[in-house]
C-alpha cells in the first residue's frame, strides 16, 4: 500500500484556495460570475447525460420543446442560461421529476 506524506499533503492548497486565486474570493463579482457559469454548465451537462441515456437526439428534444436544435446544444454546453420554467419543461421531456421535500422545523 502506498503511504502518503502527511507533511506534503498539509502544504497542498485546498480547492477553495485555488478557486480564490483563479476567480477571486466568494462575494466578488468575478467569483460570482464563475459560480453562475459553473452551475449553468452543470445543469446543462445533467440534461445532456439524461438525453443520451434515453438515446434521444438534440433535434428530438428540440421538437418536443418547440425550440431549435441549436438552443438545445447551447443549453447542454452551458452557453445558454435558461429560466427555471424552461429547465422544468426540458427536464419533463427527459422524464426527470422533481419532488419537493419539506424540512421539519
Protein backbone atom coordinates (compact mmCIF):
# COMPACT_ATOMS: atom_id res chain seq x y z
CA UNK A 1 0.00 0.00 0.00
CA UNK A 2 1.25 3.48 -0.83
CA UNK A 3 1.94 5.72 2.15
CA UNK A 4 1.11 9.39 1.72
CA UNK A 5 3.40 12.02 3.18
CA UNK A 6 1.20 13.95 5.61
CA UNK A 7 3.55 16.95 5.62
CA UNK A 8 3.36 17.27 1.84
CA UNK A 9 -0.41 16.86 1.93
CA UNK A 10 -0.72 19.62 4.52
CA UNK A 11 1.11 22.01 2.18
CA UNK A 12 -1.23 21.41 -0.74
CA UNK A 13 -3.79 24.16 -1.36
CA UNK A 14 -7.45 23.36 -0.93
CA UNK A 15 -9.79 23.50 -3.89
CA UNK A 16 -11.40 26.65 -2.47
CA UNK A 17 -7.98 28.30 -2.18
CA UNK A 18 -7.31 27.52 -5.85
CA UNK A 19 -10.70 28.95 -6.82
CA UNK A 20 -9.99 32.08 -4.75
CA UNK A 21 -6.68 32.58 -6.55
CA UNK A 22 -8.08 31.97 -10.02
CA UNK A 23 -11.52 33.61 -9.79
CA UNK A 24 -11.44 35.77 -6.68
CA UNK A 25 -12.86 35.23 -3.24
CA UNK A 26 -16.52 34.41 -2.63
CA UNK A 27 -18.65 37.52 -2.87
CA UNK A 28 -16.54 39.16 -5.58
CA UNK A 29 -18.06 39.81 -8.97
CA UNK A 30 -15.56 37.57 -10.76
CA UNK A 31 -16.23 34.65 -8.41
CA UNK A 32 -20.00 35.10 -8.67
CA UNK A 33 -19.67 35.07 -12.46
CA UNK A 34 -17.61 31.87 -12.30
CA UNK A 35 -20.09 30.21 -9.91
CA UNK A 36 -23.01 31.12 -12.17
CA UNK A 37 -21.28 29.76 -15.28
CA UNK A 38 -20.34 26.60 -13.40
CA UNK A 39 -23.94 25.94 -12.39
CA UNK A 40 -25.17 26.65 -15.91
CA UNK A 41 -22.68 24.11 -17.26
CA UNK A 42 -23.53 21.55 -14.54
CA UNK A 43 -27.28 21.61 -15.20
CA UNK A 44 -26.79 21.60 -18.96
CA UNK A 45 -24.50 18.61 -18.69
CA UNK A 46 -27.01 16.82 -16.47
CA UNK A 47 -29.70 17.29 -19.12
CA UNK A 48 -27.34 16.14 -21.87
CA UNK A 49 -26.39 12.96 -20.00
CA UNK A 50 -30.05 12.13 -19.42
CA UNK A 51 -30.86 12.75 -23.09
CA UNK A 52 -28.08 10.35 -24.06
CA UNK A 53 -29.36 7.72 -21.60
CA UNK A 54 -32.69 7.89 -23.43
CA UNK A 55 -30.94 7.66 -26.83
CA UNK A 56 -32.59 10.89 -27.91
CA UNK A 57 -31.09 13.39 -30.28
CA UNK A 58 -30.95 17.11 -29.64
CA UNK A 59 -33.35 17.52 -32.53
CA UNK A 60 -35.91 15.20 -30.92
CA UNK A 61 -35.73 17.15 -27.66
CA UNK A 62 -35.99 20.43 -29.55
CA UNK A 63 -39.09 19.25 -31.40
CA UNK A 64 -40.80 18.25 -28.15
CA UNK A 65 -39.97 21.63 -26.62
CA UNK A 66 -40.86 23.63 -29.71
CA UNK A 67 -37.32 25.02 -29.87
CA UNK A 68 -34.40 24.90 -32.29
CA UNK A 69 -31.72 22.20 -32.04
CA UNK A 70 -29.09 24.94 -31.68
CA UNK A 71 -30.82 26.10 -28.48
CA UNK A 72 -30.58 22.57 -27.02
CA UNK A 73 -26.87 22.49 -27.92
CA UNK A 74 -26.29 25.83 -26.16
CA UNK A 75 -28.13 24.68 -23.03
CA UNK A 76 -26.24 21.39 -22.90
CA UNK A 77 -22.88 23.08 -23.30
CA UNK A 78 -23.62 25.69 -20.64
CA UNK A 79 -23.65 28.56 -23.12
CA UNK A 80 -27.33 29.38 -22.57
CA UNK A 81 -28.72 30.36 -19.22
CA UNK A 82 -32.32 29.16 -19.15
CA UNK A 83 -35.23 30.23 -16.99
CA UNK A 84 -36.39 27.83 -14.31
CA UNK A 85 -39.67 27.22 -16.16
CA UNK A 86 -37.76 26.21 -19.30
CA UNK A 87 -35.50 23.97 -17.24
CA UNK A 88 -38.51 22.13 -15.80
CA UNK A 89 -40.06 21.70 -19.28
CA UNK A 90 -36.71 20.40 -20.58
CA UNK A 91 -36.44 18.01 -17.63
CA UNK A 92 -40.01 16.82 -18.12
CA UNK A 93 -39.30 15.89 -21.74
CA UNK A 94 -36.42 13.79 -20.42
CA UNK A 95 -38.52 12.13 -17.74
CA UNK A 96 -36.83 13.90 -14.84
CA UNK A 97 -39.21 14.60 -12.00
CA UNK A 98 -38.61 16.94 -9.11
CA UNK A 99 -40.39 16.08 -5.91
CA UNK A 100 -40.41 18.80 -3.27
CA UNK A 101 -39.37 17.80 0.19
CA UNK A 102 -40.19 19.81 3.24
CA UNK A 103 -37.87 20.14 6.16
CA UNK A 104 -39.38 19.80 9.58
CA UNK A 105 -38.98 22.97 11.57
